[in-house]
N, C-alpha and C. Protein backbone atom coordinates (compact mmCIF):
# COMPACT_ATOMS: atom_id res chain seq x y z
N UNK A 1 53.91 -93.75 -30.21
CA UNK A 1 52.84 -94.32 -29.39
C UNK A 1 51.73 -94.84 -30.29
N UNK A 2 51.36 -96.03 -30.21
CA UNK A 2 50.38 -96.68 -31.04
C UNK A 2 48.94 -96.38 -30.47
N UNK A 3 47.97 -96.37 -31.36
CA UNK A 3 46.60 -96.17 -31.01
C UNK A 3 46.08 -97.24 -30.11
N UNK A 4 46.59 -98.50 -30.34
CA UNK A 4 46.04 -99.65 -29.61
C UNK A 4 46.86 -99.88 -28.31
N UNK A 5 47.84 -99.11 -28.05
CA UNK A 5 48.74 -99.34 -26.92
C UNK A 5 48.06 -99.40 -25.58
N UNK A 6 47.15 -98.42 -25.29
CA UNK A 6 46.43 -98.36 -24.02
C UNK A 6 45.06 -98.91 -24.08
N UNK A 7 44.67 -99.65 -25.12
CA UNK A 7 43.34 -100.15 -25.27
C UNK A 7 43.33 -101.68 -24.97
N UNK A 8 42.36 -102.04 -24.12
CA UNK A 8 42.24 -103.49 -23.75
C UNK A 8 41.46 -104.24 -24.80
N UNK A 9 41.41 -105.54 -24.65
CA UNK A 9 40.69 -106.44 -25.62
C UNK A 9 39.20 -106.19 -25.62
N UNK A 10 38.67 -105.95 -24.43
CA UNK A 10 37.18 -105.73 -24.40
C UNK A 10 36.80 -104.53 -25.20
N UNK A 11 37.49 -103.42 -25.11
CA UNK A 11 37.27 -102.19 -25.81
C UNK A 11 37.33 -102.44 -27.32
N UNK A 12 38.37 -103.16 -27.74
CA UNK A 12 38.48 -103.50 -29.12
C UNK A 12 37.39 -104.30 -29.65
N UNK A 13 36.96 -105.36 -28.86
CA UNK A 13 35.88 -106.16 -29.23
C UNK A 13 34.57 -105.38 -29.34
N UNK A 14 34.32 -104.42 -28.47
CA UNK A 14 33.09 -103.60 -28.57
C UNK A 14 33.12 -102.68 -29.77
N UNK A 15 34.33 -102.18 -30.14
CA UNK A 15 34.44 -101.30 -31.30
C UNK A 15 34.19 -102.14 -32.54
N UNK A 16 34.79 -103.29 -32.67
CA UNK A 16 34.57 -104.15 -33.85
C UNK A 16 33.15 -104.63 -33.93
N UNK A 17 32.56 -104.97 -32.78
CA UNK A 17 31.13 -105.40 -32.77
C UNK A 17 30.21 -104.31 -33.26
N UNK A 18 30.42 -103.13 -32.72
CA UNK A 18 29.57 -102.01 -33.16
C UNK A 18 29.78 -101.63 -34.60
N UNK A 19 30.95 -101.65 -35.11
CA UNK A 19 31.20 -101.43 -36.51
C UNK A 19 30.51 -102.50 -37.32
N UNK A 20 30.53 -103.75 -36.93
CA UNK A 20 29.90 -104.82 -37.67
C UNK A 20 28.35 -104.63 -37.66
N UNK A 21 27.79 -104.29 -36.53
CA UNK A 21 26.36 -104.09 -36.49
C UNK A 21 25.94 -102.86 -37.40
N UNK A 22 26.77 -101.82 -37.29
CA UNK A 22 26.48 -100.71 -38.23
C UNK A 22 26.50 -100.93 -39.69
N UNK A 23 27.56 -101.71 -40.11
CA UNK A 23 27.67 -102.14 -41.49
C UNK A 23 26.50 -102.98 -41.95
N UNK A 24 26.17 -103.95 -41.10
CA UNK A 24 25.10 -104.87 -41.39
C UNK A 24 23.73 -104.16 -41.50
N UNK A 25 23.44 -103.28 -40.53
CA UNK A 25 22.15 -102.61 -40.64
C UNK A 25 22.01 -101.56 -41.71
N UNK A 26 23.10 -100.90 -42.00
CA UNK A 26 23.07 -99.92 -43.12
C UNK A 26 23.12 -100.57 -44.54
N UNK A 27 23.62 -101.79 -44.59
CA UNK A 27 23.65 -102.43 -45.89
C UNK A 27 22.52 -103.43 -46.08
N UNK A 28 21.62 -103.52 -45.11
CA UNK A 28 20.54 -104.48 -45.11
C UNK A 28 19.62 -104.35 -46.36
N UNK A 29 19.41 -103.09 -46.70
CA UNK A 29 18.54 -102.81 -47.82
C UNK A 29 19.17 -103.13 -49.12
N UNK A 30 20.47 -103.11 -49.15
CA UNK A 30 21.16 -103.44 -50.41
C UNK A 30 21.31 -104.95 -50.63
N UNK A 31 21.32 -105.73 -49.55
CA UNK A 31 21.53 -107.13 -49.61
C UNK A 31 20.30 -107.82 -50.19
N UNK A 32 19.15 -107.35 -49.94
CA UNK A 32 17.86 -107.98 -50.42
C UNK A 32 17.74 -107.70 -51.87
N UNK A 33 17.18 -108.67 -52.63
CA UNK A 33 16.94 -108.47 -54.01
C UNK A 33 15.53 -107.93 -54.29
N UNK A 34 14.68 -107.88 -53.27
CA UNK A 34 13.37 -107.35 -53.43
C UNK A 34 13.32 -105.87 -53.08
N UNK A 35 12.38 -105.15 -53.68
CA UNK A 35 12.28 -103.69 -53.40
C UNK A 35 11.56 -103.48 -52.06
N UNK A 36 12.01 -102.55 -51.30
CA UNK A 36 11.40 -102.31 -49.99
C UNK A 36 10.46 -101.06 -50.10
N UNK A 37 9.33 -101.13 -49.45
CA UNK A 37 8.58 -99.90 -49.33
C UNK A 37 8.00 -99.90 -47.88
N UNK A 38 8.05 -98.63 -47.41
CA UNK A 38 7.48 -98.41 -46.00
C UNK A 38 6.01 -98.33 -46.11
N UNK A 39 5.27 -98.68 -45.02
CA UNK A 39 3.83 -98.49 -44.93
C UNK A 39 3.59 -97.00 -44.82
N UNK A 40 2.38 -96.64 -45.12
CA UNK A 40 1.99 -95.18 -45.12
C UNK A 40 2.20 -94.61 -43.74
N UNK A 41 1.84 -95.27 -42.70
CA UNK A 41 2.03 -94.70 -41.35
C UNK A 41 3.46 -94.49 -41.02
N UNK A 42 4.40 -95.28 -41.50
CA UNK A 42 5.78 -95.01 -41.29
C UNK A 42 6.34 -93.89 -42.14
N UNK A 43 5.82 -93.69 -43.34
CA UNK A 43 6.26 -92.60 -44.19
C UNK A 43 5.70 -91.29 -43.52
N UNK A 44 4.55 -91.24 -43.04
CA UNK A 44 4.01 -90.08 -42.34
C UNK A 44 4.83 -89.74 -41.13
N UNK A 45 5.19 -90.80 -40.42
CA UNK A 45 6.03 -90.57 -39.18
C UNK A 45 7.35 -90.01 -39.46
N UNK A 46 7.97 -90.44 -40.58
CA UNK A 46 9.33 -89.95 -40.96
C UNK A 46 9.32 -88.52 -41.30
N UNK A 47 8.14 -87.93 -41.71
CA UNK A 47 8.12 -86.51 -41.99
C UNK A 47 8.32 -85.69 -40.73
N UNK A 48 8.12 -86.24 -39.56
CA UNK A 48 8.32 -85.48 -38.31
C UNK A 48 9.67 -85.72 -37.74
N UNK A 49 10.50 -86.58 -38.30
CA UNK A 49 11.80 -86.91 -37.77
C UNK A 49 12.75 -85.62 -37.71
N UNK A 50 12.80 -84.80 -38.77
CA UNK A 50 13.78 -83.68 -38.64
C UNK A 50 13.39 -82.72 -37.54
N UNK A 51 12.14 -82.40 -37.34
CA UNK A 51 11.76 -81.44 -36.32
C UNK A 51 11.90 -82.08 -34.94
N UNK A 52 11.73 -83.34 -34.84
CA UNK A 52 11.95 -83.99 -33.58
C UNK A 52 13.38 -84.01 -33.20
N UNK A 53 14.26 -84.30 -34.18
CA UNK A 53 15.68 -84.28 -33.91
C UNK A 53 16.17 -82.87 -33.55
N UNK A 54 15.63 -81.83 -34.25
CA UNK A 54 16.02 -80.47 -33.99
C UNK A 54 15.58 -80.04 -32.53
N UNK A 55 14.37 -80.44 -32.18
CA UNK A 55 13.92 -80.13 -30.82
C UNK A 55 14.70 -80.86 -29.78
N UNK A 56 15.13 -82.05 -30.05
CA UNK A 56 15.92 -82.84 -29.06
C UNK A 56 17.32 -82.20 -28.92
N UNK A 57 17.89 -81.51 -29.93
CA UNK A 57 19.13 -80.88 -29.76
C UNK A 57 19.03 -79.46 -29.24
N UNK A 58 18.07 -78.69 -29.66
CA UNK A 58 17.95 -77.27 -29.33
C UNK A 58 17.29 -77.08 -27.96
N UNK A 59 16.23 -77.68 -27.66
CA UNK A 59 15.43 -77.42 -26.42
C UNK A 59 16.28 -77.59 -25.21
N UNK A 60 17.06 -78.66 -24.97
CA UNK A 60 17.88 -78.66 -23.74
C UNK A 60 18.93 -77.55 -23.68
N UNK A 61 19.39 -77.15 -24.79
CA UNK A 61 20.35 -76.02 -24.80
C UNK A 61 19.74 -74.67 -24.36
N UNK A 62 18.41 -74.50 -24.85
CA UNK A 62 17.71 -73.23 -24.54
C UNK A 62 17.17 -73.28 -23.09
N UNK A 63 16.74 -74.38 -22.68
CA UNK A 63 16.10 -74.43 -21.30
C UNK A 63 17.01 -74.71 -20.16
N UNK A 64 18.17 -75.24 -20.43
CA UNK A 64 18.97 -75.73 -19.33
C UNK A 64 20.43 -75.20 -19.39
N UNK A 65 21.04 -75.07 -18.20
CA UNK A 65 22.47 -74.70 -18.26
C UNK A 65 23.16 -75.59 -17.17
N UNK A 66 24.07 -76.38 -17.61
CA UNK A 66 24.85 -77.29 -16.69
C UNK A 66 23.89 -78.24 -15.99
N UNK A 67 22.91 -78.70 -16.64
CA UNK A 67 22.04 -79.76 -16.12
C UNK A 67 20.92 -79.14 -15.23
N UNK A 68 20.77 -77.89 -15.12
CA UNK A 68 19.71 -77.27 -14.25
C UNK A 68 18.89 -76.33 -15.12
N UNK A 69 17.57 -76.32 -14.89
CA UNK A 69 16.75 -75.43 -15.65
C UNK A 69 17.07 -74.01 -15.30
N UNK A 70 16.99 -73.11 -16.31
CA UNK A 70 17.27 -71.72 -16.13
C UNK A 70 16.36 -71.07 -15.11
N UNK A 71 16.87 -70.24 -14.28
CA UNK A 71 16.03 -69.65 -13.18
C UNK A 71 15.61 -68.22 -13.49
N UNK A 72 16.12 -67.64 -14.60
CA UNK A 72 15.81 -66.26 -14.93
C UNK A 72 15.36 -66.13 -16.35
N UNK A 73 14.55 -65.11 -16.66
CA UNK A 73 14.17 -64.89 -18.05
C UNK A 73 15.18 -64.11 -18.80
N UNK A 74 16.21 -63.48 -18.08
CA UNK A 74 17.20 -62.68 -18.76
C UNK A 74 18.30 -63.65 -19.29
N UNK A 75 17.92 -64.38 -20.27
CA UNK A 75 18.86 -65.27 -20.93
C UNK A 75 18.70 -65.08 -22.49
N UNK A 76 19.71 -64.84 -23.20
CA UNK A 76 19.66 -64.57 -24.59
C UNK A 76 19.18 -65.75 -25.40
N UNK A 77 19.41 -66.99 -24.84
CA UNK A 77 18.92 -68.15 -25.59
C UNK A 77 17.42 -68.18 -25.70
N UNK A 78 16.74 -67.83 -24.68
CA UNK A 78 15.27 -67.79 -24.71
C UNK A 78 14.79 -66.83 -25.69
N UNK A 79 15.42 -65.67 -25.71
CA UNK A 79 14.96 -64.60 -26.63
C UNK A 79 15.21 -64.97 -28.06
N UNK A 80 16.42 -65.52 -28.35
CA UNK A 80 16.72 -65.94 -29.69
C UNK A 80 15.73 -67.06 -30.18
N UNK A 81 15.45 -68.04 -29.30
CA UNK A 81 14.51 -69.06 -29.67
C UNK A 81 13.13 -68.49 -29.86
N UNK A 82 12.71 -67.57 -29.05
CA UNK A 82 11.35 -67.02 -29.24
C UNK A 82 11.27 -66.25 -30.54
N UNK A 83 12.28 -65.46 -30.89
CA UNK A 83 12.31 -64.71 -32.15
C UNK A 83 12.30 -65.69 -33.27
N UNK A 84 13.21 -66.66 -33.21
CA UNK A 84 13.25 -67.74 -34.26
C UNK A 84 11.97 -68.40 -34.50
N UNK A 85 11.30 -68.81 -33.42
CA UNK A 85 10.00 -69.50 -33.53
C UNK A 85 8.95 -68.58 -34.17
N UNK A 86 8.93 -67.29 -33.76
CA UNK A 86 8.03 -66.35 -34.32
C UNK A 86 8.18 -66.16 -35.77
N UNK A 87 9.45 -66.06 -36.19
CA UNK A 87 9.81 -65.85 -37.63
C UNK A 87 9.42 -67.09 -38.43
N UNK A 88 9.68 -68.27 -37.80
CA UNK A 88 9.34 -69.54 -38.53
C UNK A 88 7.81 -69.62 -38.78
N UNK A 89 7.04 -69.37 -37.78
CA UNK A 89 5.58 -69.51 -37.95
C UNK A 89 5.01 -68.38 -38.83
N UNK A 90 5.78 -67.29 -38.94
CA UNK A 90 5.34 -66.17 -39.78
C UNK A 90 5.69 -66.48 -41.32
N UNK A 91 6.93 -66.96 -41.51
CA UNK A 91 7.40 -67.03 -42.93
C UNK A 91 7.61 -68.50 -43.38
N UNK A 92 7.78 -69.44 -42.50
CA UNK A 92 8.06 -70.84 -42.81
C UNK A 92 9.36 -71.00 -43.65
N UNK A 93 10.34 -70.22 -43.32
CA UNK A 93 11.65 -70.19 -43.93
C UNK A 93 12.75 -70.55 -42.93
N UNK A 94 13.37 -71.68 -43.13
CA UNK A 94 14.35 -72.14 -42.06
C UNK A 94 15.54 -71.24 -41.97
N UNK A 95 16.05 -70.82 -43.13
CA UNK A 95 17.28 -69.96 -43.19
C UNK A 95 16.94 -68.65 -42.50
N UNK A 96 15.85 -68.02 -42.80
CA UNK A 96 15.38 -66.76 -42.19
C UNK A 96 15.21 -66.94 -40.70
N UNK A 97 14.75 -68.05 -40.31
CA UNK A 97 14.47 -68.39 -38.87
C UNK A 97 15.86 -68.37 -38.16
N UNK A 98 16.87 -69.01 -38.72
CA UNK A 98 18.17 -69.08 -38.08
C UNK A 98 18.81 -67.73 -38.03
N UNK A 99 18.69 -66.95 -39.08
CA UNK A 99 19.30 -65.69 -39.14
C UNK A 99 18.63 -64.73 -38.13
N UNK A 100 17.34 -64.75 -38.05
CA UNK A 100 16.59 -63.91 -37.10
C UNK A 100 16.89 -64.27 -35.68
N UNK A 101 16.91 -65.55 -35.40
CA UNK A 101 17.24 -66.04 -34.08
C UNK A 101 18.63 -65.60 -33.62
N UNK A 102 19.56 -65.73 -34.49
CA UNK A 102 21.01 -65.28 -34.19
C UNK A 102 21.09 -63.76 -34.01
N UNK A 103 20.34 -63.07 -34.87
CA UNK A 103 20.34 -61.61 -34.75
C UNK A 103 19.73 -61.15 -33.48
N UNK A 104 18.83 -61.91 -32.89
CA UNK A 104 18.26 -61.53 -31.58
C UNK A 104 19.21 -62.00 -30.49
N UNK A 105 19.83 -63.20 -30.63
CA UNK A 105 20.66 -63.78 -29.61
C UNK A 105 22.04 -63.03 -29.43
N UNK A 106 22.72 -62.77 -30.53
CA UNK A 106 24.09 -62.21 -30.44
C UNK A 106 24.19 -60.88 -29.68
N UNK A 107 23.32 -59.90 -30.01
CA UNK A 107 23.49 -58.63 -29.31
C UNK A 107 23.21 -58.79 -27.78
N UNK A 108 22.25 -59.59 -27.38
CA UNK A 108 21.89 -59.77 -26.02
C UNK A 108 23.02 -60.51 -25.31
N UNK A 109 23.65 -61.48 -25.99
CA UNK A 109 24.70 -62.24 -25.36
C UNK A 109 26.01 -61.48 -25.31
N UNK A 110 26.37 -60.83 -26.41
CA UNK A 110 27.70 -60.21 -26.50
C UNK A 110 27.67 -58.84 -25.85
N UNK A 111 26.59 -58.04 -26.01
CA UNK A 111 26.64 -56.64 -25.56
C UNK A 111 26.09 -56.59 -24.12
N UNK A 112 24.93 -57.27 -23.85
CA UNK A 112 24.37 -57.20 -22.49
C UNK A 112 24.90 -58.25 -21.56
N UNK A 113 25.54 -59.31 -22.10
CA UNK A 113 26.18 -60.31 -21.33
C UNK A 113 25.12 -61.28 -20.74
N UNK A 114 23.95 -61.38 -21.36
CA UNK A 114 22.95 -62.34 -20.90
C UNK A 114 23.42 -63.70 -21.18
């Protein structure tokens, strides 16, 4: 069975188009002969990109289950996130934050079934 056997022309065109746009936009900085520099406001804004991405991934997982907001406080995800946040603000160490959050989450989830 071929990969393209059940794929129509429109789907292939979209895949090729998206691949082309991706290659073009990622190589745009290499095509130019002039050196690029970002304005100060953009460089300051990029400093917040990692925390914004982490919040976008983690917060929906902590606050929602199957598209609905959690209705009870007895959820291991909230406790793990609270412990992780407290450890982060106390020590400013990302690895320690992850370890502490998981050490709070796992017993509640596996032993108590939260």
